[in-house]
């Protein structure tokens, strides 16, 4: 559930950025931060158990990456989308592409690792995972 919350908050953030409204972007970024922080807290407070440790650690790694990237990459991304169109430079566009690539590369790999751990967990405990796209 923590992963879903972060993915949804990230998607909502990007949707708002596309509309280029600085006030809405700031609010969406704050909501994104709040969602990630609540998710990190939820996972940190989860009771540890040897049988679930790898699964839990995959979630911790993913959520900590979100939290770390919020302070720099996502904050810079939000700032770039708050620049008025007439003032947006080629350098800004290049920076936006760099940030997108870094965010996508880092989080995609961690999400894939977490999904793989979910599958191992499901196989071990005979669960069926629903396939969803976000």
N, C-alpha and C. Protein backbone atom coordinates (compact mmCIF):
# COMPACT_ATOMS: atom_id res chain seq x y z
N UNK A 1 0.82 -1.21 0.00
CA UNK A 1 0.00 0.00 0.00
C UNK A 1 0.86 1.26 0.00
N UNK A 2 2.02 1.20 0.68
CA UNK A 2 2.91 2.36 0.71
C UNK A 2 3.44 2.67 -0.69
N UNK A 3 3.77 1.62 -1.43
CA UNK A 3 4.25 1.80 -2.81
C UNK A 3 3.15 2.44 -3.66
N UNK A 4 1.93 1.94 -3.53
CA UNK A 4 0.82 2.48 -4.31
C UNK A 4 0.61 3.96 -4.01
N UNK A 5 0.70 4.32 -2.74
CA UNK A 5 0.51 5.71 -2.33
C UNK A 5 1.55 6.60 -3.00
N UNK A 6 2.80 6.16 -2.98
CA UNK A 6 3.89 6.95 -3.60
C UNK A 6 3.71 7.05 -5.11
N UNK A 7 3.38 5.95 -5.75
CA UNK A 7 3.19 5.98 -7.20
C UNK A 7 2.04 6.90 -7.60
N UNK A 8 0.96 6.85 -6.84
CA UNK A 8 -0.18 7.72 -7.13
C UNK A 8 0.19 9.19 -6.92
N UNK A 9 0.86 9.47 -5.81
CA UNK A 9 1.27 10.85 -5.52
C UNK A 9 2.24 11.37 -6.58
N UNK A 10 3.14 10.51 -7.03
CA UNK A 10 4.07 10.90 -8.08
C UNK A 10 3.32 11.20 -9.39
N UNK A 11 2.39 10.34 -9.74
CA UNK A 11 1.59 10.54 -10.94
C UNK A 11 0.76 11.82 -10.87
N UNK A 12 0.15 12.06 -9.72
CA UNK A 12 -0.63 13.28 -9.53
C UNK A 12 0.26 14.52 -9.65
N UNK A 13 1.46 14.43 -9.09
CA UNK A 13 2.42 15.54 -9.18
C UNK A 13 2.75 15.85 -10.63
N UNK A 14 3.06 14.82 -11.42
CA UNK A 14 3.38 15.03 -12.83
C UNK A 14 2.19 15.61 -13.59
N UNK A 15 0.99 15.12 -13.29
CA UNK A 15 -0.20 15.64 -13.97
C UNK A 15 -0.37 17.13 -13.72
N UNK A 16 -0.14 17.55 -12.49
CA UNK A 16 -0.27 18.97 -12.15
C UNK A 16 0.85 19.78 -12.82
N UNK A 17 2.06 19.24 -12.84
CA UNK A 17 3.17 19.95 -13.49
C UNK A 17 2.85 20.25 -14.95
N UNK A 18 2.21 19.33 -15.62
CA UNK A 18 1.88 19.50 -17.04
C UNK A 18 0.96 20.69 -17.28
N UNK A 19 0.24 21.14 -16.25
CA UNK A 19 -0.68 22.27 -16.40
C UNK A 19 0.00 23.62 -16.17
N UNK A 20 1.26 23.58 -15.71
CA UNK A 20 2.10 24.77 -15.58
C UNK A 20 1.53 25.87 -14.68
N UNK A 21 0.81 25.50 -13.64
CA UNK A 21 0.29 26.47 -12.68
C UNK A 21 1.15 26.39 -11.42
N UNK A 22 2.00 27.41 -11.17
CA UNK A 22 2.94 27.34 -10.05
C UNK A 22 2.30 27.06 -8.69
N UNK A 23 1.18 27.67 -8.40
CA UNK A 23 0.54 27.43 -7.10
C UNK A 23 0.07 25.98 -6.97
N UNK A 24 -0.51 25.46 -8.03
CA UNK A 24 -0.95 24.06 -8.01
C UNK A 24 0.24 23.10 -7.93
N UNK A 25 1.33 23.46 -8.59
CA UNK A 25 2.54 22.63 -8.55
C UNK A 25 3.09 22.58 -7.12
N UNK A 26 3.15 23.73 -6.47
CA UNK A 26 3.64 23.78 -5.09
C UNK A 26 2.77 22.92 -4.17
N UNK A 27 1.46 23.00 -4.35
CA UNK A 27 0.55 22.19 -3.52
C UNK A 27 0.73 20.70 -3.83
N UNK A 28 0.81 20.35 -5.11
CA UNK A 28 0.99 18.95 -5.49
C UNK A 28 2.32 18.41 -4.96
N UNK A 29 3.35 19.24 -4.98
CA UNK A 29 4.65 18.83 -4.45
C UNK A 29 4.55 18.60 -2.94
N UNK A 30 3.87 19.50 -2.24
CA UNK A 30 3.68 19.32 -0.79
C UNK A 30 2.88 18.06 -0.49
N UNK A 31 1.86 17.79 -1.29
CA UNK A 31 1.06 16.56 -1.12
C UNK A 31 1.92 15.33 -1.38
N UNK A 32 2.76 15.40 -2.40
CA UNK A 32 3.67 14.31 -2.74
C UNK A 32 4.62 14.05 -1.56
N UNK A 33 5.20 15.12 -1.01
CA UNK A 33 6.09 14.97 0.14
C UNK A 33 5.36 14.34 1.32
N UNK A 34 4.18 14.81 1.58
CA UNK A 34 3.39 14.28 2.69
C UNK A 34 3.09 12.79 2.50
N UNK A 35 2.73 12.41 1.29
CA UNK A 35 2.43 11.00 1.00
C UNK A 35 3.67 10.12 1.18
N UNK A 36 4.80 10.59 0.69
CA UNK A 36 6.04 9.81 0.82
C UNK A 36 6.44 9.71 2.29
N UNK A 37 6.40 10.82 3.00
CA UNK A 37 6.78 10.80 4.41
C UNK A 37 5.87 9.88 5.23
N UNK A 38 4.58 9.91 4.96
CA UNK A 38 3.65 9.02 5.66
C UNK A 38 3.93 7.56 5.32
N UNK A 39 4.28 7.29 4.07
CA UNK A 39 4.59 5.93 3.64
C UNK A 39 5.88 5.43 4.29
N UNK A 40 6.89 6.28 4.34
CA UNK A 40 8.16 5.91 4.99
C UNK A 40 7.90 5.59 6.46
N UNK A 41 7.12 6.43 7.11
CA UNK A 41 6.80 6.21 8.53
C UNK A 41 6.06 4.88 8.72
N UNK A 42 5.12 4.61 7.83
CA UNK A 42 4.34 3.37 7.92
C UNK A 42 5.25 2.14 7.83
N UNK A 43 6.16 2.16 6.88
CA UNK A 43 7.06 1.02 6.69
C UNK A 43 8.07 0.94 7.84
N UNK A 44 8.58 2.09 8.28
CA UNK A 44 9.52 2.09 9.40
C UNK A 44 8.90 1.52 10.68
N UNK A 45 7.61 1.77 10.86
CA UNK A 45 6.93 1.30 12.06
C UNK A 45 6.42 -0.14 11.95
N UNK A 46 6.51 -0.70 10.75
CA UNK A 46 6.04 -2.08 10.56
C UNK A 46 6.92 -3.03 11.36
N UNK A 47 6.27 -3.98 11.98
CA UNK A 47 6.99 -4.95 12.80
C UNK A 47 7.86 -5.82 11.91
N UNK A 48 9.09 -6.00 12.33
CA UNK A 48 10.01 -6.83 11.57
C UNK A 48 9.77 -8.31 11.84
N UNK A 49 10.03 -9.13 10.86
CA UNK A 49 9.92 -10.58 10.97
C UNK A 49 10.84 -11.19 9.94
N UNK A 50 11.59 -12.20 10.34
CA UNK A 50 12.58 -12.79 9.43
C UNK A 50 11.99 -13.22 8.10
N UNK A 51 10.79 -13.80 8.11
CA UNK A 51 10.17 -14.28 6.88
C UNK A 51 9.79 -13.15 5.92
N UNK A 52 9.65 -11.95 6.46
CA UNK A 52 9.20 -10.82 5.65
C UNK A 52 10.28 -9.77 5.45
N UNK A 53 11.49 -10.02 5.96
CA UNK A 53 12.51 -8.98 5.97
C UNK A 53 12.91 -8.52 4.57
N UNK A 54 13.11 -9.43 3.63
CA UNK A 54 13.52 -9.04 2.28
C UNK A 54 12.42 -8.20 1.61
N UNK A 55 11.18 -8.60 1.83
CA UNK A 55 10.04 -7.86 1.28
C UNK A 55 9.99 -6.45 1.88
N UNK A 56 10.11 -6.38 3.20
CA UNK A 56 10.08 -5.10 3.89
C UNK A 56 11.27 -4.24 3.44
N UNK A 57 12.46 -4.84 3.31
CA UNK A 57 13.65 -4.08 2.92
C UNK A 57 13.52 -3.51 1.50
N UNK A 58 12.87 -4.24 0.62
CA UNK A 58 12.61 -3.72 -0.72
C UNK A 58 11.74 -2.48 -0.66
N UNK A 59 10.74 -2.49 0.20
CA UNK A 59 9.88 -1.32 0.37
C UNK A 59 10.66 -0.16 0.99
N UNK A 60 11.48 -0.46 1.99
CA UNK A 60 12.29 0.57 2.64
C UNK A 60 13.21 1.24 1.62
N UNK A 61 13.89 0.44 0.80
CA UNK A 61 14.80 0.99 -0.21
C UNK A 61 14.07 1.90 -1.19
N UNK A 62 12.93 1.45 -1.65
CA UNK A 62 12.14 2.23 -2.60
C UNK A 62 11.67 3.55 -1.98
N UNK A 63 11.09 3.47 -0.80
CA UNK A 63 10.54 4.66 -0.17
C UNK A 63 11.63 5.65 0.25
N UNK A 64 12.76 5.13 0.70
CA UNK A 64 13.86 6.03 1.05
C UNK A 64 14.41 6.74 -0.18
N UNK A 65 14.41 6.06 -1.33
CA UNK A 65 14.83 6.72 -2.57
C UNK A 65 13.87 7.84 -2.93
N UNK A 66 12.57 7.59 -2.80
CA UNK A 66 11.60 8.66 -3.05
C UNK A 66 11.88 9.84 -2.13
N UNK A 67 12.04 9.54 -0.85
CA UNK A 67 12.24 10.62 0.14
C UNK A 67 13.50 11.42 -0.19
N UNK A 68 14.60 10.73 -0.50
CA UNK A 68 15.85 11.41 -0.81
C UNK A 68 15.71 12.26 -2.08
N UNK A 69 15.04 11.73 -3.09
CA UNK A 69 14.91 12.45 -4.36
C UNK A 69 13.93 13.62 -4.27
N UNK A 70 13.02 13.59 -3.30
CA UNK A 70 12.09 14.70 -3.12
C UNK A 70 12.85 16.00 -2.82
N UNK A 71 13.86 15.88 -2.00
CA UNK A 71 14.58 17.09 -1.55
C UNK A 71 15.40 17.74 -2.64
N UNK A 72 15.79 17.00 -3.63
CA UNK A 72 16.63 17.59 -4.67
C UNK A 72 15.99 17.48 -6.05
N UNK A 73 15.93 16.26 -6.57
CA UNK A 73 15.46 16.10 -7.96
C UNK A 73 14.01 16.54 -8.15
N UNK A 74 13.10 16.06 -7.31
CA UNK A 74 11.70 16.44 -7.49
C UNK A 74 11.48 17.92 -7.18
N UNK A 75 12.19 18.46 -6.20
CA UNK A 75 12.07 19.89 -5.89
C UNK A 75 12.54 20.73 -7.07
N UNK A 76 13.67 20.35 -7.67
CA UNK A 76 14.17 21.07 -8.84
C UNK A 76 13.22 20.93 -10.03
N UNK A 77 12.66 19.73 -10.19
CA UNK A 77 11.69 19.49 -11.26
C UNK A 77 10.49 20.42 -11.09
N UNK A 78 9.99 20.52 -9.87
CA UNK A 78 8.85 21.41 -9.60
C UNK A 78 9.22 22.86 -9.90
N UNK A 79 10.41 23.26 -9.48
CA UNK A 79 10.85 24.64 -9.73
C UNK A 79 10.90 24.95 -11.22
N UNK A 80 11.39 24.00 -12.00
CA UNK A 80 11.47 24.21 -13.46
C UNK A 80 10.08 24.40 -14.07
N UNK A 81 9.11 23.65 -13.59
CA UNK A 81 7.76 23.76 -14.14
C UNK A 81 7.02 25.00 -13.65
N UNK A 82 7.61 25.69 -12.68
CA UNK A 82 7.03 26.95 -12.20
C UNK A 82 7.56 28.15 -12.97
N UNK A 83 8.57 27.95 -13.81
CA UNK A 83 9.13 29.05 -14.61
C UNK A 83 8.13 29.41 -15.70
N UNK A 84 7.80 30.69 -15.82
CA UNK A 84 6.89 31.10 -16.90
C UNK A 84 7.43 30.66 -18.27
N UNK A 85 6.55 30.25 -19.13
CA UNK A 85 6.93 29.72 -20.44
C UNK A 85 7.86 30.68 -21.19
N UNK A 86 7.59 31.96 -21.13
CA UNK A 86 8.40 32.94 -21.86
C UNK A 86 9.83 33.03 -21.31
N UNK A 87 10.02 32.60 -20.06
CA UNK A 87 11.34 32.67 -19.44
C UNK A 87 12.07 31.32 -19.43
N UNK A 88 11.40 30.29 -19.89
CA UNK A 88 11.96 28.94 -19.89
C UNK A 88 13.00 28.82 -21.00
N UNK A 89 14.23 28.49 -20.62
CA UNK A 89 15.35 28.48 -21.57
C UNK A 89 15.68 27.06 -22.04
N UNK A 90 16.55 26.99 -23.03
CA UNK A 90 17.03 25.68 -23.48
C UNK A 90 17.78 24.98 -22.36
N UNK A 91 18.50 25.73 -21.55
CA UNK A 91 19.21 25.15 -20.41
C UNK A 91 18.22 24.55 -19.40
N UNK A 92 17.09 25.24 -19.20
CA UNK A 92 16.05 24.71 -18.32
C UNK A 92 15.48 23.41 -18.88
N UNK A 93 15.26 23.40 -20.18
CA UNK A 93 14.73 22.20 -20.82
C UNK A 93 15.72 21.04 -20.69
N UNK A 94 16.98 21.33 -20.86
CA UNK A 94 18.01 20.29 -20.73
C UNK A 94 18.06 19.78 -19.29
N UNK A 95 17.97 20.68 -18.34
CA UNK A 95 17.97 20.28 -16.91
C UNK A 95 16.75 19.42 -16.61
N UNK A 96 15.59 19.77 -17.16
CA UNK A 96 14.37 18.99 -16.94
C UNK A 96 14.55 17.57 -17.47
N UNK A 97 15.17 17.44 -18.64
CA UNK A 97 15.41 16.12 -19.22
C UNK A 97 16.37 15.31 -18.35
N UNK A 98 17.41 15.96 -17.84
CA UNK A 98 18.37 15.28 -16.97
C UNK A 98 17.70 14.79 -15.69
N UNK A 99 16.88 15.65 -15.09
CA UNK A 99 16.17 15.28 -13.87
C UNK A 99 15.21 14.12 -14.12
N UNK A 100 14.48 14.20 -15.22
CA UNK A 100 13.54 13.11 -15.57
C UNK A 100 14.28 11.79 -15.73
N UNK A 101 15.40 11.83 -16.42
CA UNK A 101 16.17 10.61 -16.65
C UNK A 101 16.69 10.04 -15.33
N UNK A 102 17.21 10.90 -14.47
CA UNK A 102 17.72 10.42 -13.18
C UNK A 102 16.60 9.84 -12.32
N UNK A 103 15.48 10.53 -12.24
CA UNK A 103 14.35 10.05 -11.45
C UNK A 103 13.86 8.72 -12.00
N UNK A 104 13.63 8.67 -13.31
CA UNK A 104 13.10 7.45 -13.91
C UNK A 104 14.05 6.27 -13.77
N UNK A 105 15.32 6.49 -14.00
CA UNK A 105 16.30 5.41 -13.90
C UNK A 105 16.36 4.86 -12.47
N UNK A 106 16.45 5.74 -11.51
CA UNK A 106 16.57 5.32 -10.11
C UNK A 106 15.31 4.63 -9.61
N UNK A 107 14.18 5.28 -9.80
CA UNK A 107 12.94 4.75 -9.24
C UNK A 107 12.41 3.55 -10.01
N UNK A 108 12.61 3.52 -11.33
CA UNK A 108 12.16 2.36 -12.10
C UNK A 108 12.87 1.10 -11.65
N UNK A 109 14.17 1.18 -11.44
CA UNK A 109 14.93 0.01 -10.99
C UNK A 109 14.47 -0.44 -9.61
N UNK A 110 14.30 0.49 -8.69
CA UNK A 110 13.85 0.13 -7.35
C UNK A 110 12.43 -0.42 -7.36
N UNK A 111 11.56 0.15 -8.19
CA UNK A 111 10.20 -0.39 -8.30
C UNK A 111 10.23 -1.80 -8.86
N UNK A 112 11.04 -2.04 -9.88
CA UNK A 112 11.15 -3.39 -10.45
C UNK A 112 11.69 -4.37 -9.41
N UNK A 113 12.68 -3.95 -8.63
CA UNK A 113 13.21 -4.83 -7.58
C UNK A 113 12.15 -5.13 -6.54
N UNK A 114 11.38 -4.12 -6.17
CA UNK A 114 10.33 -4.33 -5.18
C UNK A 114 9.25 -5.26 -5.72
N UNK A 115 8.87 -5.07 -6.97
CA UNK A 115 7.86 -5.94 -7.58
C UNK A 115 8.37 -7.38 -7.64
N UNK A 116 9.65 -7.56 -7.95
CA UNK A 116 10.23 -8.91 -7.96
C UNK A 116 10.18 -9.52 -6.56
N UNK A 117 10.46 -8.72 -5.55
CA UNK A 117 10.39 -9.23 -4.17
C UNK A 117 8.95 -9.54 -3.78
N UNK A 118 8.01 -8.73 -4.25
CA UNK A 118 6.60 -9.02 -4.02
C UNK A 118 6.25 -10.39 -4.61
N UNK A 119 6.74 -10.65 -5.81
CA UNK A 119 6.44 -11.92 -6.47
C UNK A 119 7.06 -13.09 -5.71
N UNK A 120 8.30 -12.94 -5.25
CA UNK A 120 8.93 -13.99 -4.44
C UNK A 120 8.14 -14.25 -3.17
N UNK A 121 7.71 -13.17 -2.54
CA UNK A 121 6.90 -13.28 -1.32
C UNK A 121 5.58 -13.99 -1.61
N UNK A 122 4.93 -13.58 -2.68
CA UNK A 122 3.65 -14.19 -3.06
C UNK A 122 3.83 -15.67 -3.37
N UNK A 123 4.88 -16.01 -4.09
CA UNK A 123 5.14 -17.42 -4.41
C UNK A 123 5.38 -18.23 -3.14
N UNK A 124 6.18 -17.68 -2.23
CA UNK A 124 6.49 -18.39 -0.99
C UNK A 124 5.25 -18.64 -0.14
N UNK A 125 4.35 -17.68 -0.08
CA UNK A 125 3.18 -17.76 0.77
C UNK A 125 1.90 -18.09 0.00
N UNK A 126 2.06 -18.45 -1.25
CA UNK A 126 0.95 -18.89 -2.09
C UNK A 126 -0.15 -17.82 -2.25
N UNK A 127 0.30 -16.60 -2.55
CA UNK A 127 -0.61 -15.49 -2.86
C UNK A 127 -0.64 -15.30 -4.36
N UNK A 128 -1.72 -14.72 -4.85
CA UNK A 128 -1.80 -14.32 -6.24
C UNK A 128 -1.78 -12.82 -6.30
N UNK A 129 -0.83 -12.27 -7.06
CA UNK A 129 -0.73 -10.83 -7.21
C UNK A 129 -1.56 -10.35 -8.37
N UNK A 130 -2.25 -9.26 -8.18
CA UNK A 130 -2.99 -8.64 -9.28
C UNK A 130 -2.03 -7.77 -10.08
N UNK A 131 -2.08 -7.85 -11.38
CA UNK A 131 -1.23 -7.02 -12.24
C UNK A 131 -1.94 -5.70 -12.49
N UNK A 132 -1.29 -4.62 -12.11
CA UNK A 132 -1.85 -3.28 -12.32
C UNK A 132 -0.78 -2.38 -12.91
N UNK A 133 -1.23 -1.43 -13.69
CA UNK A 133 -0.31 -0.40 -14.16
C UNK A 133 -0.66 0.90 -13.47
N UNK A 134 0.33 1.71 -13.26
CA UNK A 134 0.11 2.99 -12.56
C UNK A 134 0.54 4.12 -13.43
